[in-house]
Amino acid sequence: MDNNAPESHKFLPLLAWTMYDRGELLDLIKECHYPVAAADEEQWKETAERMCKVAFLCVQEKPEARPTMSMAVNMLEGHLEIPIPVYPFGWMYPQ
């Protein structure tokens, strides 16, 4: 949490969802001041998207919508296709 940030940027998971939804996850990495070389930018974008999509699946409100840990690991390692997550924060932050 950053209480000095604008409302949409206070809660990191919500900020990550917003950036993901806009196709701007790499910008979130850059905002965190982590240097990304131009040659590595596509790999970083794919890695950030993979991690965030799995995280969004893991925090779904309904337990049956969440992957098992072994599924999450396999998705992170690239062995399983990652389903497109739905907005996971509706119970906290209605869209």
N, C-alpha and C. Protein backbone atom coordinates (compact mmCIF):
# COMPACT_ATOMS: atom_id res chain seq x y z
N MET A 1 0.85 -1.19 0.00
CA MET A 1 0.00 0.00 0.00
C MET A 1 0.89 1.24 0.00
N ASP A 2 0.45 2.22 -0.76
CA ASP A 2 1.10 3.53 -0.75
C ASP A 2 0.01 4.56 -0.57
N ASN A 3 -0.17 5.04 0.65
CA ASN A 3 -1.27 5.96 0.95
C ASN A 3 -1.12 7.31 0.27
N ASN A 4 0.08 7.62 -0.23
CA ASN A 4 0.30 8.88 -0.92
C ASN A 4 0.02 8.78 -2.42
N ALA A 5 -0.21 7.58 -2.91
CA ALA A 5 -0.45 7.37 -4.34
C ALA A 5 -1.91 7.63 -4.67
N PRO A 6 -2.20 7.88 -5.95
CA PRO A 6 -3.61 8.01 -6.36
C PRO A 6 -4.36 6.72 -6.00
N GLU A 7 -5.66 6.80 -5.83
CA GLU A 7 -6.47 5.65 -5.38
C GLU A 7 -6.19 4.38 -6.19
N SER A 8 -6.10 4.51 -7.51
CA SER A 8 -5.90 3.32 -8.36
C SER A 8 -4.50 2.73 -8.25
N HIS A 9 -3.59 3.41 -7.56
CA HIS A 9 -2.22 2.93 -7.44
C HIS A 9 -1.85 2.54 -6.01
N LYS A 10 -2.79 2.64 -5.06
CA LYS A 10 -2.49 2.35 -3.66
C LYS A 10 -2.25 0.87 -3.40
N PHE A 11 -3.00 0.02 -4.02
CA PHE A 11 -2.98 -1.42 -3.75
C PHE A 11 -2.29 -2.11 -4.92
N LEU A 12 -1.08 -2.63 -4.70
CA LEU A 12 -0.26 -3.18 -5.79
C LEU A 12 -0.99 -4.23 -6.63
N PRO A 13 -1.71 -5.19 -6.04
CA PRO A 13 -2.42 -6.15 -6.89
C PRO A 13 -3.42 -5.49 -7.84
N LEU A 14 -4.11 -4.46 -7.37
CA LEU A 14 -5.07 -3.76 -8.23
C LEU A 14 -4.33 -2.98 -9.32
N LEU A 15 -3.21 -2.38 -8.98
CA LEU A 15 -2.39 -1.69 -9.97
C LEU A 15 -1.89 -2.69 -11.01
N ALA A 16 -1.43 -3.85 -10.57
CA ALA A 16 -0.95 -4.88 -11.51
C ALA A 16 -2.08 -5.30 -12.44
N TRP A 17 -3.30 -5.48 -11.91
CA TRP A 17 -4.43 -5.85 -12.77
C TRP A 17 -4.70 -4.76 -13.79
N THR A 18 -4.70 -3.52 -13.35
CA THR A 18 -4.97 -2.40 -14.25
C THR A 18 -3.95 -2.36 -15.37
N MET A 19 -2.68 -2.54 -15.02
CA MET A 19 -1.61 -2.52 -16.03
C MET A 19 -1.75 -3.74 -16.97
N TYR A 20 -2.07 -4.89 -16.41
CA TYR A 20 -2.28 -6.09 -17.23
C TYR A 20 -3.43 -5.88 -18.20
N ASP A 21 -4.53 -5.36 -17.69
CA ASP A 21 -5.72 -5.15 -18.49
C ASP A 21 -5.45 -4.17 -19.65
N ARG A 22 -4.56 -3.25 -19.44
CA ARG A 22 -4.19 -2.27 -20.47
C ARG A 22 -3.05 -2.76 -21.37
N GLY A 23 -2.47 -3.92 -21.04
CA GLY A 23 -1.32 -4.42 -21.80
C GLY A 23 -0.05 -3.66 -21.48
N GLU A 24 0.06 -3.17 -20.25
CA GLU A 24 1.18 -2.31 -19.86
C GLU A 24 1.98 -2.87 -18.68
N LEU A 25 2.04 -4.20 -18.54
CA LEU A 25 2.75 -4.77 -17.39
C LEU A 25 4.22 -4.39 -17.37
N LEU A 26 4.85 -4.30 -18.52
CA LEU A 26 6.26 -3.94 -18.56
C LEU A 26 6.47 -2.55 -17.96
N ASP A 27 5.49 -1.67 -18.14
CA ASP A 27 5.58 -0.34 -17.55
C ASP A 27 5.59 -0.42 -16.03
N LEU A 28 4.88 -1.40 -15.47
CA LEU A 28 4.87 -1.58 -14.02
C LEU A 28 6.26 -1.97 -13.54
N ILE A 29 6.94 -2.84 -14.26
CA ILE A 29 8.30 -3.23 -13.90
C ILE A 29 9.21 -2.01 -13.97
N LYS A 30 9.05 -1.23 -15.02
CA LYS A 30 9.86 -0.03 -15.16
C LYS A 30 9.58 0.96 -14.04
N GLU A 31 8.30 1.06 -13.61
CA GLU A 31 7.94 1.96 -12.51
C GLU A 31 8.62 1.55 -11.22
N CYS A 32 8.90 0.26 -11.09
CA CYS A 32 9.57 -0.24 -9.88
C CYS A 32 11.08 -0.01 -9.95
N HIS A 33 11.52 0.67 -10.99
CA HIS A 33 12.93 1.04 -11.18
C HIS A 33 13.83 -0.16 -11.39
N TYR A 34 13.27 -1.23 -11.93
CA TYR A 34 14.08 -2.39 -12.27
C TYR A 34 14.54 -2.21 -13.71
N PRO A 35 15.83 -2.09 -13.96
CA PRO A 35 16.29 -1.83 -15.33
C PRO A 35 16.06 -3.02 -16.25
N VAL A 36 15.48 -2.77 -17.39
CA VAL A 36 15.23 -3.80 -18.39
C VAL A 36 15.91 -3.37 -19.68
N ALA A 37 16.89 -4.15 -20.12
CA ALA A 37 17.58 -3.84 -21.38
C ALA A 37 16.61 -4.03 -22.54
N ALA A 38 16.74 -3.21 -23.54
CA ALA A 38 15.84 -3.28 -24.70
C ALA A 38 15.80 -4.68 -25.30
N ALA A 39 16.95 -5.34 -25.34
CA ALA A 39 17.02 -6.69 -25.92
C ALA A 39 16.24 -7.71 -25.10
N ASP A 40 16.07 -7.45 -23.83
CA ASP A 40 15.37 -8.40 -22.94
C ASP A 40 13.91 -8.02 -22.70
N GLU A 41 13.47 -6.94 -23.30
CA GLU A 41 12.14 -6.40 -23.00
C GLU A 41 11.02 -7.40 -23.27
N GLU A 42 11.05 -8.10 -24.38
CA GLU A 42 9.98 -9.06 -24.71
C GLU A 42 9.94 -10.21 -23.72
N GLN A 43 11.11 -10.72 -23.33
CA GLN A 43 11.16 -11.80 -22.35
C GLN A 43 10.61 -11.33 -21.01
N TRP A 44 10.97 -10.11 -20.60
CA TRP A 44 10.45 -9.57 -19.34
C TRP A 44 8.94 -9.40 -19.39
N LYS A 45 8.45 -8.95 -20.54
CA LYS A 45 7.00 -8.76 -20.69
C LYS A 45 6.29 -10.10 -20.55
N GLU A 46 6.80 -11.13 -21.23
CA GLU A 46 6.19 -12.46 -21.15
C GLU A 46 6.25 -13.02 -19.73
N THR A 47 7.39 -12.84 -19.06
CA THR A 47 7.55 -13.34 -17.69
C THR A 47 6.61 -12.61 -16.74
N ALA A 48 6.54 -11.29 -16.85
CA ALA A 48 5.66 -10.50 -15.99
C ALA A 48 4.20 -10.90 -16.21
N GLU A 49 3.83 -11.08 -17.47
CA GLU A 49 2.44 -11.46 -17.76
C GLU A 49 2.14 -12.84 -17.21
N ARG A 50 3.06 -13.78 -17.38
CA ARG A 50 2.87 -15.14 -16.87
C ARG A 50 2.68 -15.11 -15.34
N MET A 51 3.57 -14.42 -14.64
CA MET A 51 3.49 -14.37 -13.17
C MET A 51 2.20 -13.71 -12.71
N CYS A 52 1.83 -12.62 -13.33
CA CYS A 52 0.63 -11.90 -12.92
C CYS A 52 -0.64 -12.69 -13.22
N LYS A 53 -0.69 -13.33 -14.39
CA LYS A 53 -1.88 -14.12 -14.72
C LYS A 53 -2.07 -15.25 -13.72
N VAL A 54 -0.99 -15.93 -13.35
CA VAL A 54 -1.09 -17.00 -12.37
C VAL A 54 -1.50 -16.42 -11.01
N ALA A 55 -0.92 -15.30 -10.64
CA ALA A 55 -1.30 -14.67 -9.37
C ALA A 55 -2.78 -14.28 -9.37
N PHE A 56 -3.27 -13.74 -10.48
CA PHE A 56 -4.68 -13.36 -10.55
C PHE A 56 -5.58 -14.59 -10.44
N LEU A 57 -5.14 -15.71 -10.98
CA LEU A 57 -5.91 -16.95 -10.84
C LEU A 57 -5.90 -17.43 -9.39
N CYS A 58 -4.78 -17.25 -8.71
CA CYS A 58 -4.63 -17.74 -7.33
C CYS A 58 -5.42 -16.92 -6.31
N VAL A 59 -5.82 -15.71 -6.66
CA VAL A 59 -6.55 -14.88 -5.70
C VAL A 59 -8.02 -14.72 -6.06
N GLN A 60 -8.54 -15.59 -6.89
CA GLN A 60 -9.96 -15.54 -7.22
C GLN A 60 -10.77 -15.74 -5.94
N GLU A 61 -11.90 -15.08 -5.85
CA GLU A 61 -12.72 -15.14 -4.64
C GLU A 61 -13.20 -16.56 -4.34
N LYS A 62 -13.65 -17.28 -5.36
CA LYS A 62 -14.17 -18.63 -5.16
C LYS A 62 -13.01 -19.64 -5.22
N PRO A 63 -12.86 -20.45 -4.18
CA PRO A 63 -11.76 -21.42 -4.15
C PRO A 63 -11.71 -22.34 -5.37
N GLU A 64 -12.87 -22.73 -5.87
CA GLU A 64 -12.89 -23.64 -7.02
C GLU A 64 -12.37 -22.99 -8.30
N ALA A 65 -12.26 -21.68 -8.31
CA ALA A 65 -11.72 -20.97 -9.48
C ALA A 65 -10.20 -20.84 -9.42
N ARG A 66 -9.62 -21.22 -8.29
CA ARG A 66 -8.16 -21.11 -8.11
C ARG A 66 -7.47 -22.40 -8.54
N PRO A 67 -6.26 -22.28 -9.12
CA PRO A 67 -5.52 -23.49 -9.48
C PRO A 67 -4.90 -24.13 -8.23
N THR A 68 -4.60 -25.41 -8.33
CA THR A 68 -3.86 -26.07 -7.25
C THR A 68 -2.42 -25.56 -7.30
N MET A 69 -1.67 -25.80 -6.25
CA MET A 69 -0.27 -25.35 -6.24
C MET A 69 0.53 -26.02 -7.36
N SER A 70 0.29 -27.31 -7.58
CA SER A 70 1.04 -27.98 -8.65
C SER A 70 0.69 -27.40 -10.02
N MET A 71 -0.58 -27.04 -10.22
CA MET A 71 -0.97 -26.40 -11.47
C MET A 71 -0.31 -25.03 -11.60
N ALA A 72 -0.28 -24.27 -10.50
CA ALA A 72 0.34 -22.94 -10.54
C ALA A 72 1.82 -23.05 -10.89
N VAL A 73 2.51 -24.00 -10.28
CA VAL A 73 3.93 -24.20 -10.58
C VAL A 73 4.11 -24.57 -12.05
N ASN A 74 3.28 -25.48 -12.55
CA ASN A 74 3.38 -25.88 -13.95
C ASN A 74 3.08 -24.74 -14.90
N MET A 75 2.14 -23.87 -14.53
CA MET A 75 1.85 -22.70 -15.36
C MET A 75 3.04 -21.74 -15.36
N LEU A 76 3.62 -21.52 -14.18
CA LEU A 76 4.77 -20.62 -14.08
C LEU A 76 5.97 -21.15 -14.86
N GLU A 77 6.14 -22.46 -14.87
CA GLU A 77 7.26 -23.06 -15.59
C GLU A 77 6.99 -23.20 -17.09
N GLY A 78 5.77 -22.90 -17.50
CA GLY A 78 5.45 -22.97 -18.92
C GLY A 78 5.00 -24.34 -19.40
N HIS A 79 4.70 -25.24 -18.48
CA HIS A 79 4.26 -26.60 -18.85
C HIS A 79 2.76 -26.69 -19.06
N LEU A 80 2.02 -25.72 -18.54
CA LEU A 80 0.57 -25.68 -18.69
C LEU A 80 0.17 -24.34 -19.27
N GLU A 81 -0.83 -24.38 -20.12
CA GLU A 81 -1.42 -23.14 -20.65
C GLU A 81 -2.09 -22.39 -19.50
N ILE A 82 -1.94 -21.08 -19.49
CA ILE A 82 -2.56 -20.27 -18.45
C ILE A 82 -3.88 -19.72 -18.98
N PRO A 83 -4.99 -20.07 -18.33
CA PRO A 83 -6.27 -19.51 -18.78
C PRO A 83 -6.30 -18.00 -18.54
N ILE A 84 -7.08 -17.32 -19.33
CA ILE A 84 -7.20 -15.88 -19.17
C ILE A 84 -7.97 -15.62 -17.87
N PRO A 85 -7.34 -14.91 -16.93
CA PRO A 85 -8.02 -14.67 -15.66
C PRO A 85 -9.13 -13.64 -15.78
N VAL A 86 -10.11 -13.77 -14.91
CA VAL A 86 -11.15 -12.75 -14.81
C VAL A 86 -10.76 -11.81 -13.68
N TYR A 87 -11.34 -10.64 -13.68
CA TYR A 87 -11.06 -9.63 -12.67
C TYR A 87 -11.25 -10.24 -11.28
N PRO A 88 -10.18 -10.32 -10.48
CA PRO A 88 -10.27 -11.03 -9.20
C PRO A 88 -10.67 -10.18 -7.99
N PHE A 89 -10.84 -8.89 -8.17
CA PHE A 89 -11.03 -8.03 -7.00
C PHE A 89 -12.45 -7.44 -6.91
N GLY A 90 -13.40 -8.05 -7.61
CA GLY A 90 -14.75 -7.54 -7.63
C GLY A 90 -15.40 -7.43 -6.26
N TRP A 91 -15.04 -8.32 -5.37
CA TRP A 91 -15.60 -8.31 -4.02
C TRP A 91 -15.03 -7.15 -3.20
N MET A 92 -13.85 -6.63 -3.59
CA MET A 92 -13.22 -5.50 -2.88
C MET A 92 -13.38 -4.18 -3.62
N TYR A 93 -13.18 -4.26 -4.95
CA TYR A 93 -13.18 -3.07 -5.80
C TYR A 93 -14.03 -3.34 -7.02
N PRO A 94 -15.34 -3.10 -6.93
CA PRO A 94 -16.20 -3.33 -8.10
C PRO A 94 -15.72 -2.47 -9.29
N GLN A 95 -15.82 -3.04 -10.46
CA GLN A 95 -15.42 -2.29 -11.67
C GLN A 95 -16.49 -1.36 -12.10
